[in-house]
Amino acid sequence: MVRLKICGITNWRDAKMCLDAGADWLGFNFYRPSPRYIAPEKARSIIRRLPRRVEAVGLFVNASLVEIFRHARAADLSMIQLHGDENPRFVAKIAEAYPVIKAFRVRKKLGASELKRFSHADCLLLDGFHPELRGGSGASFDWRFARDASRYGRIILAGGLTPGNLAAALRQTKPYGVDVCSGVESAPGKKDGAKVKAFARATGH
């Protein structure tokens, strides 16, 4: 069964909704410009209520090591997602303390072989490219790229996924996991129960 990550959690109601649908990972966004930003202390109040089977993933964009580790401890994270321009050495440093999901915004100039440099990442997340937004943009990409990328690590497919297109995406890419944010929202940072359930069903949960 493909693993399910639901990102942009901002409150316990939405977290519980995603847990009930069978989510394996819940994502908490610590990038301040994001409309889904959550303070570490508020994230911790949600994370402390999660069952042990669920991973709490903190999303960061070009943050310093000091900030990432401080937030990770404050929120009690179990994984780190790097969604900026972090280099392989930076990823390796984080990976000494936490499993890392390294995210890439896919565009034409990104070659699959570039991913080979990030061998310390636990998973490679492929997202659609948006010139301003870092995740949660709803932008998609050519899923054929994910097939090539799977040679270099466990792939989490993201970017523009919805209950309506997920089945086709899974058939084409066969990823380790999928990540959804805006595709199951009624508004930024607010999950839609019907969409969450439909998306989870499409993953086999």
N, C-alpha and C. Protein backbone atom coordinates (compact mmCIF):
# COMPACT_ATOMS: atom_id res chain seq x y z
N MET A 1 0.84 -1.20 0.00
CA MET A 1 0.00 0.00 0.00
C MET A 1 0.87 1.25 0.00
N VAL A 2 0.56 2.18 -0.85
CA VAL A 2 1.30 3.43 -0.90
C VAL A 2 1.09 4.21 0.39
N ARG A 3 2.17 4.82 0.88
CA ARG A 3 2.06 5.59 2.11
C ARG A 3 1.45 6.95 1.83
N LEU A 4 0.70 7.45 2.80
CA LEU A 4 -0.08 8.67 2.63
C LEU A 4 0.42 9.77 3.56
N LYS A 5 0.83 10.90 2.96
CA LYS A 5 1.24 12.07 3.72
C LYS A 5 0.27 13.21 3.42
N ILE A 6 -0.27 13.79 4.46
CA ILE A 6 -1.15 14.95 4.32
C ILE A 6 -0.46 16.12 5.00
N CYS A 7 -0.23 17.16 4.22
CA CYS A 7 0.57 18.28 4.71
C CYS A 7 -0.30 19.51 4.96
N GLY A 8 0.29 20.46 5.68
CA GLY A 8 -0.41 21.71 5.97
C GLY A 8 -1.39 21.60 7.12
N ILE A 9 -1.07 20.75 8.11
CA ILE A 9 -1.94 20.60 9.28
C ILE A 9 -1.79 21.83 10.18
N THR A 10 -2.92 22.44 10.54
CA THR A 10 -2.88 23.65 11.37
C THR A 10 -3.72 23.55 12.64
N ASN A 11 -4.47 22.45 12.80
CA ASN A 11 -5.34 22.33 13.97
C ASN A 11 -5.64 20.86 14.23
N TRP A 12 -6.08 20.57 15.47
CA TRP A 12 -6.34 19.18 15.86
C TRP A 12 -7.51 18.58 15.09
N ARG A 13 -8.53 19.36 14.80
CA ARG A 13 -9.69 18.81 14.07
C ARG A 13 -9.25 18.21 12.74
N ASP A 14 -8.44 18.95 11.99
CA ASP A 14 -7.97 18.44 10.71
C ASP A 14 -7.03 17.25 10.89
N ALA A 15 -6.19 17.31 11.91
CA ALA A 15 -5.29 16.19 12.17
C ALA A 15 -6.07 14.92 12.44
N LYS A 16 -7.10 15.02 13.28
CA LYS A 16 -7.91 13.85 13.62
C LYS A 16 -8.61 13.32 12.37
N MET A 17 -9.10 14.20 11.54
CA MET A 17 -9.76 13.82 10.29
C MET A 17 -8.80 13.00 9.42
N CYS A 18 -7.55 13.45 9.34
CA CYS A 18 -6.55 12.76 8.53
C CYS A 18 -6.13 11.43 9.15
N LEU A 19 -6.04 11.39 10.47
CA LEU A 19 -5.73 10.15 11.15
C LEU A 19 -6.82 9.11 10.90
N ASP A 20 -8.07 9.52 11.01
CA ASP A 20 -9.19 8.61 10.80
C ASP A 20 -9.21 8.07 9.37
N ALA A 21 -8.67 8.85 8.42
CA ALA A 21 -8.62 8.41 7.03
C ALA A 21 -7.44 7.48 6.76
N GLY A 22 -6.53 7.37 7.74
CA GLY A 22 -5.41 6.42 7.59
C GLY A 22 -4.09 7.04 7.22
N ALA A 23 -3.91 8.35 7.42
CA ALA A 23 -2.64 8.99 7.05
C ALA A 23 -1.47 8.36 7.81
N ASP A 24 -0.34 8.22 7.11
CA ASP A 24 0.88 7.68 7.72
C ASP A 24 1.81 8.79 8.19
N TRP A 25 1.76 9.92 7.51
CA TRP A 25 2.56 11.10 7.86
C TRP A 25 1.64 12.30 7.93
N LEU A 26 1.86 13.18 8.89
CA LEU A 26 1.21 14.48 8.92
C LEU A 26 2.29 15.55 8.83
N GLY A 27 2.07 16.53 7.95
CA GLY A 27 3.07 17.57 7.74
C GLY A 27 2.70 18.89 8.38
N PHE A 28 3.69 19.51 9.03
CA PHE A 28 3.52 20.79 9.72
C PHE A 28 4.49 21.79 9.10
N ASN A 29 3.96 22.92 8.64
CA ASN A 29 4.72 23.87 7.86
C ASN A 29 5.30 24.98 8.75
N PHE A 30 6.62 25.03 8.83
CA PHE A 30 7.30 26.03 9.64
C PHE A 30 7.93 27.14 8.79
N TYR A 31 7.43 27.28 7.56
CA TYR A 31 7.89 28.34 6.66
C TYR A 31 6.95 29.52 6.83
N ARG A 32 7.43 30.59 7.45
CA ARG A 32 6.54 31.69 7.87
C ARG A 32 5.72 32.32 6.74
N PRO A 33 6.24 32.49 5.52
CA PRO A 33 5.41 33.09 4.47
C PRO A 33 4.22 32.23 4.03
N SER A 34 4.21 30.98 4.42
CA SER A 34 3.13 30.09 3.97
C SER A 34 1.82 30.38 4.69
N PRO A 35 0.69 30.31 3.99
CA PRO A 35 -0.61 30.47 4.66
C PRO A 35 -0.92 29.31 5.60
N ARG A 36 -0.11 28.27 5.54
CA ARG A 36 -0.30 27.09 6.39
C ARG A 36 0.74 27.04 7.52
N TYR A 37 1.42 28.15 7.75
CA TYR A 37 2.42 28.19 8.81
C TYR A 37 1.78 27.87 10.16
N ILE A 38 2.54 27.11 10.96
CA ILE A 38 2.11 26.82 12.32
C ILE A 38 3.30 27.01 13.25
N ALA A 39 3.08 27.58 14.41
CA ALA A 39 4.16 27.77 15.39
C ALA A 39 4.53 26.42 15.99
N PRO A 40 5.80 26.22 16.33
CA PRO A 40 6.23 24.93 16.89
C PRO A 40 5.44 24.50 18.12
N GLU A 41 5.12 25.45 18.99
CA GLU A 41 4.39 25.10 20.22
C GLU A 41 2.98 24.61 19.90
N LYS A 42 2.34 25.23 18.93
CA LYS A 42 1.00 24.78 18.54
C LYS A 42 1.08 23.41 17.86
N ALA A 43 2.13 23.22 17.03
CA ALA A 43 2.30 21.92 16.39
C ALA A 43 2.50 20.83 17.44
N ARG A 44 3.26 21.15 18.48
CA ARG A 44 3.52 20.15 19.52
C ARG A 44 2.22 19.72 20.22
N SER A 45 1.30 20.67 20.41
CA SER A 45 0.04 20.33 21.08
C SER A 45 -0.78 19.34 20.25
N ILE A 46 -0.55 19.32 18.94
CA ILE A 46 -1.20 18.35 18.07
C ILE A 46 -0.40 17.05 18.02
N ILE A 47 0.90 17.18 17.85
CA ILE A 47 1.77 16.02 17.69
C ILE A 47 1.74 15.11 18.91
N ARG A 48 1.64 15.70 20.11
CA ARG A 48 1.63 14.86 21.32
C ARG A 48 0.41 13.96 21.39
N ARG A 49 -0.61 14.22 20.56
CA ARG A 49 -1.83 13.41 20.56
C ARG A 49 -1.84 12.37 19.44
N LEU A 50 -0.78 12.34 18.63
CA LEU A 50 -0.75 11.41 17.50
C LEU A 50 -0.41 10.00 17.96
N PRO A 51 -0.98 8.98 17.32
CA PRO A 51 -0.58 7.61 17.63
C PRO A 51 0.86 7.36 17.17
N ARG A 52 1.50 6.37 17.75
CA ARG A 52 2.92 6.12 17.49
C ARG A 52 3.18 5.76 16.02
N ARG A 53 2.18 5.21 15.35
CA ARG A 53 2.39 4.77 13.96
C ARG A 53 2.52 5.95 12.99
N VAL A 54 2.12 7.13 13.43
CA VAL A 54 2.08 8.30 12.53
C VAL A 54 3.32 9.16 12.74
N GLU A 55 3.99 9.49 11.63
CA GLU A 55 5.17 10.34 11.66
C GLU A 55 4.77 11.81 11.58
N ALA A 56 5.37 12.63 12.44
CA ALA A 56 5.16 14.08 12.40
C ALA A 56 6.32 14.71 11.63
N VAL A 57 6.00 15.29 10.48
CA VAL A 57 7.02 15.82 9.57
C VAL A 57 7.00 17.35 9.61
N GLY A 58 8.15 17.94 9.85
CA GLY A 58 8.26 19.40 9.84
C GLY A 58 8.84 19.89 8.53
N LEU A 59 8.16 20.83 7.89
CA LEU A 59 8.59 21.36 6.60
C LEU A 59 9.34 22.68 6.81
N PHE A 60 10.54 22.74 6.22
CA PHE A 60 11.39 23.94 6.32
C PHE A 60 11.86 24.35 4.93
N VAL A 61 12.07 25.65 4.74
CA VAL A 61 12.56 26.19 3.47
C VAL A 61 13.78 27.06 3.74
N ASN A 62 14.95 26.56 3.37
CA ASN A 62 16.20 27.32 3.50
C ASN A 62 16.43 27.84 4.92
N ALA A 63 16.02 27.08 5.90
CA ALA A 63 16.25 27.45 7.30
C ALA A 63 17.66 27.01 7.72
N SER A 64 18.16 27.60 8.78
CA SER A 64 19.48 27.23 9.28
C SER A 64 19.39 25.93 10.07
N LEU A 65 20.54 25.30 10.27
CA LEU A 65 20.58 24.08 11.10
C LEU A 65 20.07 24.39 12.50
N VAL A 66 20.48 25.52 13.04
CA VAL A 66 20.07 25.89 14.40
C VAL A 66 18.55 26.01 14.49
N GLU A 67 17.94 26.69 13.51
CA GLU A 67 16.49 26.87 13.54
C GLU A 67 15.77 25.53 13.37
N ILE A 68 16.24 24.70 12.45
CA ILE A 68 15.59 23.41 12.22
C ILE A 68 15.62 22.55 13.47
N PHE A 69 16.79 22.43 14.08
CA PHE A 69 16.90 21.59 15.27
C PHE A 69 16.12 22.17 16.45
N ARG A 70 16.10 23.49 16.58
CA ARG A 70 15.34 24.11 17.66
C ARG A 70 13.85 23.85 17.48
N HIS A 71 13.34 24.04 16.28
CA HIS A 71 11.92 23.79 16.01
C HIS A 71 11.58 22.31 16.14
N ALA A 72 12.49 21.46 15.68
CA ALA A 72 12.23 20.02 15.75
C ALA A 72 12.08 19.55 17.20
N ARG A 73 12.93 20.09 18.07
CA ARG A 73 12.82 19.72 19.48
C ARG A 73 11.57 20.33 20.11
N ALA A 74 11.28 21.58 19.77
CA ALA A 74 10.13 22.26 20.37
C ALA A 74 8.82 21.60 19.96
N ALA A 75 8.74 21.13 18.73
CA ALA A 75 7.50 20.53 18.24
C ALA A 75 7.45 19.02 18.44
N ASP A 76 8.60 18.42 18.79
CA ASP A 76 8.72 16.96 18.94
C ASP A 76 8.49 16.26 17.60
N LEU A 77 9.19 16.72 16.58
CA LEU A 77 9.08 16.13 15.24
C LEU A 77 9.77 14.78 15.17
N SER A 78 9.32 13.96 14.23
CA SER A 78 9.98 12.69 13.98
C SER A 78 10.70 12.65 12.64
N MET A 79 10.37 13.58 11.74
CA MET A 79 11.02 13.68 10.44
C MET A 79 11.14 15.15 10.04
N ILE A 80 12.11 15.41 9.14
CA ILE A 80 12.32 16.75 8.63
C ILE A 80 12.13 16.73 7.11
N GLN A 81 11.36 17.69 6.59
CA GLN A 81 11.21 17.86 5.14
C GLN A 81 11.87 19.17 4.74
N LEU A 82 12.81 19.09 3.81
CA LEU A 82 13.54 20.26 3.34
C LEU A 82 13.01 20.62 1.96
N HIS A 83 12.40 21.80 1.86
CA HIS A 83 11.70 22.18 0.63
C HIS A 83 12.33 23.41 -0.02
N GLY A 84 13.60 23.63 0.30
CA GLY A 84 14.29 24.79 -0.27
C GLY A 84 15.41 24.39 -1.19
N ASP A 85 16.52 25.14 -1.14
CA ASP A 85 17.67 24.91 -2.01
C ASP A 85 18.82 24.24 -1.26
N GLU A 86 18.49 23.43 -0.29
CA GLU A 86 19.50 22.79 0.55
C GLU A 86 20.40 21.86 -0.28
N ASN A 87 21.69 21.90 0.01
CA ASN A 87 22.62 21.06 -0.75
C ASN A 87 22.80 19.70 -0.08
N PRO A 88 23.46 18.75 -0.76
CA PRO A 88 23.61 17.40 -0.20
C PRO A 88 24.31 17.37 1.16
N ARG A 89 25.30 18.24 1.36
CA ARG A 89 26.01 18.26 2.64
C ARG A 89 25.07 18.68 3.78
N PHE A 90 24.22 19.66 3.52
CA PHE A 90 23.25 20.11 4.52
C PHE A 90 22.27 18.98 4.85
N VAL A 91 21.79 18.30 3.83
CA VAL A 91 20.87 17.18 4.04
C VAL A 91 21.53 16.09 4.88
N ALA A 92 22.79 15.79 4.58
CA ALA A 92 23.51 14.77 5.34
C ALA A 92 23.63 15.16 6.81
N LYS A 93 23.83 16.45 7.08
CA LYS A 93 23.96 16.91 8.46
C LYS A 93 22.64 16.71 9.22
N ILE A 94 21.52 17.06 8.59
CA ILE A 94 20.22 16.85 9.22
C ILE A 94 19.97 15.37 9.44
N ALA A 95 20.38 14.56 8.46
CA ALA A 95 20.12 13.11 8.51
C ALA A 95 20.87 12.42 9.64
N GLU A 96 21.85 13.08 10.23
CA GLU A 96 22.53 12.51 11.40
C GLU A 96 21.60 12.45 12.60
N ALA A 97 20.57 13.30 12.60
CA ALA A 97 19.66 13.38 13.75
C ALA A 97 18.23 12.96 13.43
N TYR A 98 17.78 13.21 12.19
CA TYR A 98 16.39 12.91 11.83
C TYR A 98 16.33 12.33 10.42
N PRO A 99 15.37 11.44 10.16
CA PRO A 99 15.14 11.05 8.77
C PRO A 99 14.71 12.28 7.98
N VAL A 100 15.18 12.37 6.73
CA VAL A 100 14.95 13.56 5.90
C VAL A 100 14.15 13.21 4.66
N ILE A 101 13.15 14.03 4.37
CA ILE A 101 12.49 14.04 3.08
C ILE A 101 13.01 15.27 2.34
N LYS A 102 13.71 15.05 1.24
CA LYS A 102 14.21 16.20 0.45
C LYS A 102 13.26 16.42 -0.71
N ALA A 103 12.71 17.63 -0.77
CA ALA A 103 11.74 17.96 -1.80
C ALA A 103 12.40 18.68 -2.97
N PHE A 104 11.88 18.41 -4.16
CA PHE A 104 12.35 19.05 -5.38
C PHE A 104 11.15 19.57 -6.16
N ARG A 105 11.23 20.83 -6.59
CA ARG A 105 10.21 21.38 -7.49
C ARG A 105 10.64 21.04 -8.91
N VAL A 106 9.88 20.19 -9.55
CA VAL A 106 10.30 19.63 -10.83
C VAL A 106 10.05 20.60 -11.97
N ARG A 107 11.10 20.89 -12.71
CA ARG A 107 10.98 21.66 -13.95
C ARG A 107 12.00 21.09 -14.94
N LYS A 108 11.98 21.56 -16.15
CA LYS A 108 12.72 20.91 -17.23
C LYS A 108 14.20 20.78 -16.95
N LYS A 109 14.79 21.78 -16.29
CA LYS A 109 16.25 21.74 -16.12
C LYS A 109 16.69 20.79 -15.00
N LEU A 110 15.74 20.22 -14.25
CA LEU A 110 16.09 19.26 -13.21
C LEU A 110 16.20 17.88 -13.84
N GLY A 111 17.40 17.33 -13.82
CA GLY A 111 17.61 15.97 -14.33
C GLY A 111 17.50 14.96 -13.21
N ALA A 112 17.00 13.79 -13.54
CA ALA A 112 16.84 12.76 -12.51
C ALA A 112 18.17 12.43 -11.84
N SER A 113 19.28 12.52 -12.59
CA SER A 113 20.59 12.19 -12.02
C SER A 113 21.00 13.17 -10.92
N GLU A 114 20.41 14.38 -10.92
CA GLU A 114 20.68 15.35 -9.86
C GLU A 114 20.26 14.80 -8.50
N LEU A 115 19.24 13.96 -8.50
CA LEU A 115 18.73 13.40 -7.25
C LEU A 115 19.73 12.43 -6.63
N LYS A 116 20.59 11.87 -7.43
CA LYS A 116 21.58 10.89 -6.95
C LYS A 116 22.49 11.49 -5.89
N ARG A 117 22.66 12.80 -5.92
CA ARG A 117 23.55 13.48 -4.97
C ARG A 117 22.98 13.50 -3.56
N PHE A 118 21.67 13.20 -3.42
CA PHE A 118 21.01 13.31 -2.11
C PHE A 118 20.76 11.93 -1.51
N SER A 119 21.81 11.13 -1.49
CA SER A 119 21.68 9.75 -1.02
C SER A 119 21.39 9.65 0.47
N HIS A 120 21.64 10.72 1.23
CA HIS A 120 21.37 10.67 2.67
C HIS A 120 19.89 10.90 3.00
N ALA A 121 19.11 11.31 2.01
CA ALA A 121 17.68 11.53 2.25
C ALA A 121 16.96 10.20 2.35
N ASP A 122 16.04 10.12 3.29
CA ASP A 122 15.23 8.91 3.45
C ASP A 122 14.26 8.76 2.29
N CYS A 123 13.71 9.88 1.81
CA CYS A 123 12.79 9.90 0.68
C CYS A 123 13.04 11.15 -0.16
N LEU A 124 12.68 11.07 -1.43
CA LEU A 124 12.76 12.21 -2.34
C LEU A 124 11.35 12.58 -2.74
N LEU A 125 10.94 13.81 -2.42
CA LEU A 125 9.59 14.27 -2.73
C LEU A 125 9.63 15.12 -3.99
N LEU A 126 8.81 14.75 -4.97
CA LEU A 126 8.74 15.48 -6.24
C LEU A 126 7.47 16.30 -6.27
N ASP A 127 7.63 17.61 -6.41
CA ASP A 127 6.51 18.54 -6.36
C ASP A 127 6.47 19.35 -7.65
N GLY A 128 5.32 19.93 -7.96
CA GLY A 128 5.21 20.81 -9.11
C GLY A 128 5.94 22.12 -8.85
N PHE A 129 6.42 22.74 -9.92
CA PHE A 129 7.15 23.99 -9.78
C PHE A 129 6.20 25.19 -9.79
N HIS A 130 6.41 26.06 -8.82
CA HIS A 130 5.73 27.35 -8.79
C HIS A 130 6.79 28.40 -8.48
N PRO A 131 6.82 29.51 -9.21
CA PRO A 131 7.91 30.48 -9.02
C PRO A 131 7.95 31.14 -7.65
N GLU A 132 6.84 31.11 -6.91
CA GLU A 132 6.80 31.80 -5.62
C GLU A 132 6.53 30.86 -4.46
N LEU A 133 5.65 29.89 -4.65
CA LEU A 133 5.24 29.04 -3.54
C LEU A 133 6.16 27.84 -3.37
N ARG A 134 6.38 27.46 -2.12
CA ARG A 134 7.18 26.27 -1.80
C ARG A 134 6.24 25.23 -1.20
N GLY A 135 5.61 24.45 -2.06
CA GLY A 135 4.67 23.44 -1.59
C GLY A 135 3.28 24.01 -1.45
N GLY A 136 2.29 23.13 -1.61
CA GLY A 136 0.90 23.55 -1.44
C GLY A 136 0.39 24.43 -2.56
N SER A 137 1.09 24.45 -3.71
CA SER A 137 0.70 25.34 -4.81
C SER A 137 -0.38 24.74 -5.70
N GLY A 138 -0.52 23.41 -5.66
CA GLY A 138 -1.45 22.75 -6.57
C GLY A 138 -0.88 22.56 -7.96
N ALA A 139 0.37 22.95 -8.17
CA ALA A 139 1.02 22.78 -9.48
C ALA A 139 1.47 21.35 -9.67
N SER A 140 1.27 20.81 -10.86
CA SER A 140 1.65 19.44 -11.17
C SER A 140 2.89 19.43 -12.06
N PHE A 141 3.31 18.23 -12.48
CA PHE A 141 4.44 18.09 -13.40
C PHE A 141 4.26 16.80 -14.18
N ASP A 142 5.13 16.57 -15.14
CA ASP A 142 5.06 15.36 -15.96
C ASP A 142 5.44 14.16 -15.10
N TRP A 143 4.46 13.31 -14.82
CA TRP A 143 4.70 12.19 -13.91
C TRP A 143 5.73 11.19 -14.43
N ARG A 144 6.03 11.22 -15.72
CA ARG A 144 7.03 10.29 -16.25
C ARG A 144 8.39 10.50 -15.59
N PHE A 145 8.63 11.73 -15.14
CA PHE A 145 9.89 12.02 -14.46
C PHE A 145 10.04 11.17 -13.20
N ALA A 146 8.94 10.89 -12.52
CA ALA A 146 8.99 10.12 -11.27
C ALA A 146 9.48 8.71 -11.51
N ARG A 147 9.17 8.14 -12.66
CA ARG A 147 9.64 6.79 -12.96
C ARG A 147 11.16 6.76 -13.05
N ASP A 148 11.74 7.75 -13.72
CA ASP A 148 13.20 7.83 -13.81
C ASP A 148 13.82 8.09 -12.44
N ALA A 149 13.18 8.96 -11.67
CA ALA A 149 13.71 9.37 -10.36
C ALA A 149 13.76 8.21 -9.37
N SER A 150 12.91 7.22 -9.54
CA SER A 150 12.84 6.11 -8.58
C SER A 150 14.12 5.29 -8.53
N ARG A 151 15.00 5.47 -9.51
CA ARG A 151 16.29 4.79 -9.46
C ARG A 151 17.18 5.32 -8.35
N TYR A 152 16.87 6.51 -7.85
CA TYR A 152 17.76 7.18 -6.92
C TYR A 152 17.23 7.25 -5.49
N GLY A 153 16.08 6.67 -5.23
CA GLY A 153 15.56 6.69 -3.87
C GLY A 153 14.06 6.44 -3.84
N ARG A 154 13.53 6.43 -2.64
CA ARG A 154 12.09 6.24 -2.45
C ARG A 154 11.37 7.54 -2.79
N ILE A 155 10.44 7.46 -3.71
CA ILE A 155 9.79 8.64 -4.24
C ILE A 155 8.44 8.90 -3.56
N ILE A 156 8.26 10.14 -3.12
CA ILE A 156 6.96 10.61 -2.67
C ILE A 156 6.44 11.56 -3.75
N LEU A 157 5.30 11.24 -4.29
CA LEU A 157 4.72 12.04 -5.37
C LEU A 157 3.83 13.13 -4.80
N ALA A 158 4.02 14.36 -5.23
CA ALA A 158 3.22 15.49 -4.76
C ALA A 158 2.92 16.40 -5.95
N GLY A 159 2.19 17.48 -5.69
CA GLY A 159 1.96 18.48 -6.72
C GLY A 159 0.70 18.27 -7.52
N GLY A 160 -0.35 18.97 -7.14
CA GLY A 160 -1.58 18.94 -7.92
C GLY A 160 -2.38 17.66 -7.81
N LEU A 161 -2.08 16.82 -6.83
CA LEU A 161 -2.83 15.57 -6.68
C LEU A 161 -4.18 15.84 -6.03
N THR A 162 -5.21 15.17 -6.56
CA THR A 162 -6.57 15.28 -6.05
C THR A 162 -7.20 13.89 -6.05
N PRO A 163 -8.35 13.72 -5.40
CA PRO A 163 -9.04 12.42 -5.48
C PRO A 163 -9.34 12.02 -6.92
N GLY A 164 -9.49 13.02 -7.81
CA GLY A 164 -9.85 12.72 -9.19
C GLY A 164 -8.71 12.21 -10.06
N ASN A 165 -7.47 12.65 -9.78
CA ASN A 165 -6.35 12.23 -10.64
C ASN A 165 -5.38 11.27 -9.98
N LEU A 166 -5.61 10.93 -8.72
CA LEU A 166 -4.64 10.13 -7.99
C LEU A 166 -4.47 8.73 -8.58
N ALA A 167 -5.57 8.08 -8.94
CA ALA A 167 -5.47 6.71 -9.47
C ALA A 167 -4.57 6.67 -10.70
N ALA A 168 -4.73 7.63 -11.60
CA ALA A 168 -3.89 7.68 -12.80
C ALA A 168 -2.43 7.92 -12.43
N ALA A 169 -2.20 8.80 -11.45
CA ALA A 169 -0.83 9.09 -11.01
C ALA A 169 -0.16 7.85 -10.44
N LEU A 170 -0.89 7.09 -9.65
CA LEU A 170 -0.32 5.88 -9.05
C LEU A 170 0.01 4.84 -10.11
N ARG A 171 -0.86 4.69 -11.10
CA ARG A 171 -0.61 3.71 -12.16
C ARG A 171 0.65 4.07 -12.94
N GLN A 172 0.85 5.33 -13.18
CA GLN A 172 1.98 5.77 -13.99
C GLN A 172 3.31 5.77 -13.25
N THR A 173 3.29 6.00 -11.94
CA THR A 173 4.54 6.24 -11.22
C THR A 173 4.90 5.19 -10.17
N LYS A 174 3.90 4.53 -9.60
CA LYS A 174 4.13 3.54 -8.53
C LYS A 174 5.10 4.07 -7.46
N PRO A 175 4.74 5.17 -6.81
CA PRO A 175 5.62 5.78 -5.82
C PRO A 175 5.59 5.04 -4.48
N TYR A 176 6.57 5.35 -3.65
CA TYR A 176 6.59 4.85 -2.28
C TYR A 176 5.49 5.50 -1.46
N GLY A 177 5.26 6.79 -1.72
CA GLY A 177 4.24 7.53 -0.99
C GLY A 177 3.68 8.66 -1.83
N VAL A 178 2.59 9.23 -1.36
CA VAL A 178 2.00 10.41 -2.00
C VAL A 178 1.80 11.48 -0.94
N ASP A 179 1.87 12.72 -1.38
CA ASP A 179 1.72 13.87 -0.49
C ASP A 179 0.64 14.77 -1.05
N VAL A 180 -0.30 15.15 -0.21
CA VAL A 180 -1.37 16.04 -0.66
C VAL A 180 -1.53 17.17 0.35
N CYS A 181 -1.87 18.33 -0.18
CA CYS A 181 -2.11 19.49 0.68
C CYS A 181 -3.33 20.25 0.16
N SER A 182 -3.12 21.09 -0.84
CA SER A 182 -4.23 21.89 -1.35
C SER A 182 -5.33 21.04 -1.99
N GLY A 183 -4.98 19.83 -2.46
CA GLY A 183 -5.96 18.97 -3.11
C GLY A 183 -7.04 18.43 -2.20
N VAL A 184 -6.86 18.59 -0.88
CA VAL A 184 -7.89 18.12 0.07
C VAL A 184 -8.32 19.26 1.00
N GLU A 185 -8.23 20.50 0.51
CA GLU A 185 -8.57 21.65 1.32
C GLU A 185 -9.83 22.36 0.83
N SER A 186 -10.51 23.00 1.77
CA SER A 186 -11.59 23.92 1.43
C SER A 186 -11.05 25.34 1.35
N ALA A 187 -9.93 25.59 2.03
CA ALA A 187 -9.21 26.87 2.02
C ALA A 187 -7.81 26.57 2.53
N PRO A 188 -6.81 27.42 2.25
CA PRO A 188 -5.47 27.14 2.74
C PRO A 188 -5.42 26.88 4.25
N GLY A 189 -4.92 25.71 4.61
CA GLY A 189 -4.82 25.36 6.02
C GLY A 189 -6.07 24.77 6.62
N LYS A 190 -7.14 24.57 5.82
CA LYS A 190 -8.39 23.99 6.30
C LYS A 190 -8.74 22.78 5.45
N LYS A 191 -8.74 21.60 6.05
CA LYS A 191 -9.00 20.38 5.30
C LYS A 191 -10.50 20.16 5.10
N ASP A 192 -10.82 19.53 3.98
CA ASP A 192 -12.19 19.18 3.63
C ASP A 192 -12.36 17.69 3.88
N GLY A 193 -13.25 17.33 4.78
CA GLY A 193 -13.41 15.94 5.20
C GLY A 193 -13.72 14.99 4.07
N ALA A 194 -14.61 15.37 3.17
CA ALA A 194 -14.99 14.51 2.06
C ALA A 194 -13.81 14.28 1.12
N LYS A 195 -13.03 15.34 0.87
CA LYS A 195 -11.88 15.22 -0.01
C LYS A 195 -10.78 14.36 0.62
N VAL A 196 -10.58 14.52 1.92
CA VAL A 196 -9.59 13.71 2.62
C VAL A 196 -9.95 12.23 2.52
N LYS A 197 -11.20 11.89 2.79
CA LYS A 197 -11.63 10.50 2.73
C LYS A 197 -11.51 9.94 1.33
N ALA A 198 -11.92 10.72 0.32
CA ALA A 198 -11.84 10.26 -1.06
C ALA A 198 -10.40 10.03 -1.49
N PHE A 199 -9.52 10.92 -1.10
CA PHE A 199 -8.10 10.80 -1.45
C PHE A 199 -7.51 9.56 -0.79
N ALA A 200 -7.81 9.38 0.49
CA ALA A 200 -7.28 8.22 1.21
C ALA A 200 -7.78 6.90 0.60
N ARG A 201 -9.05 6.87 0.22
CA ARG A 201 -9.58 5.66 -0.43
C ARG A 201 -8.85 5.35 -1.72
N ALA A 202 -8.50 6.40 -2.46
CA ALA A 202 -7.81 6.20 -3.74
C ALA A 202 -6.40 5.64 -3.54
N THR A 203 -5.82 5.82 -2.36
CA THR A 203 -4.50 5.25 -2.07
C THR A 203 -4.60 3.82 -1.56
N GLY A 204 -5.82 3.36 -1.26
CA GLY A 204 -6.01 2.03 -0.71
C GLY A 204 -6.14 2.00 0.79
N HIS A 205 -6.15 3.16 1.43
CA HIS A 205 -6.30 3.21 2.89
C HIS A 205 -7.77 3.04 3.28
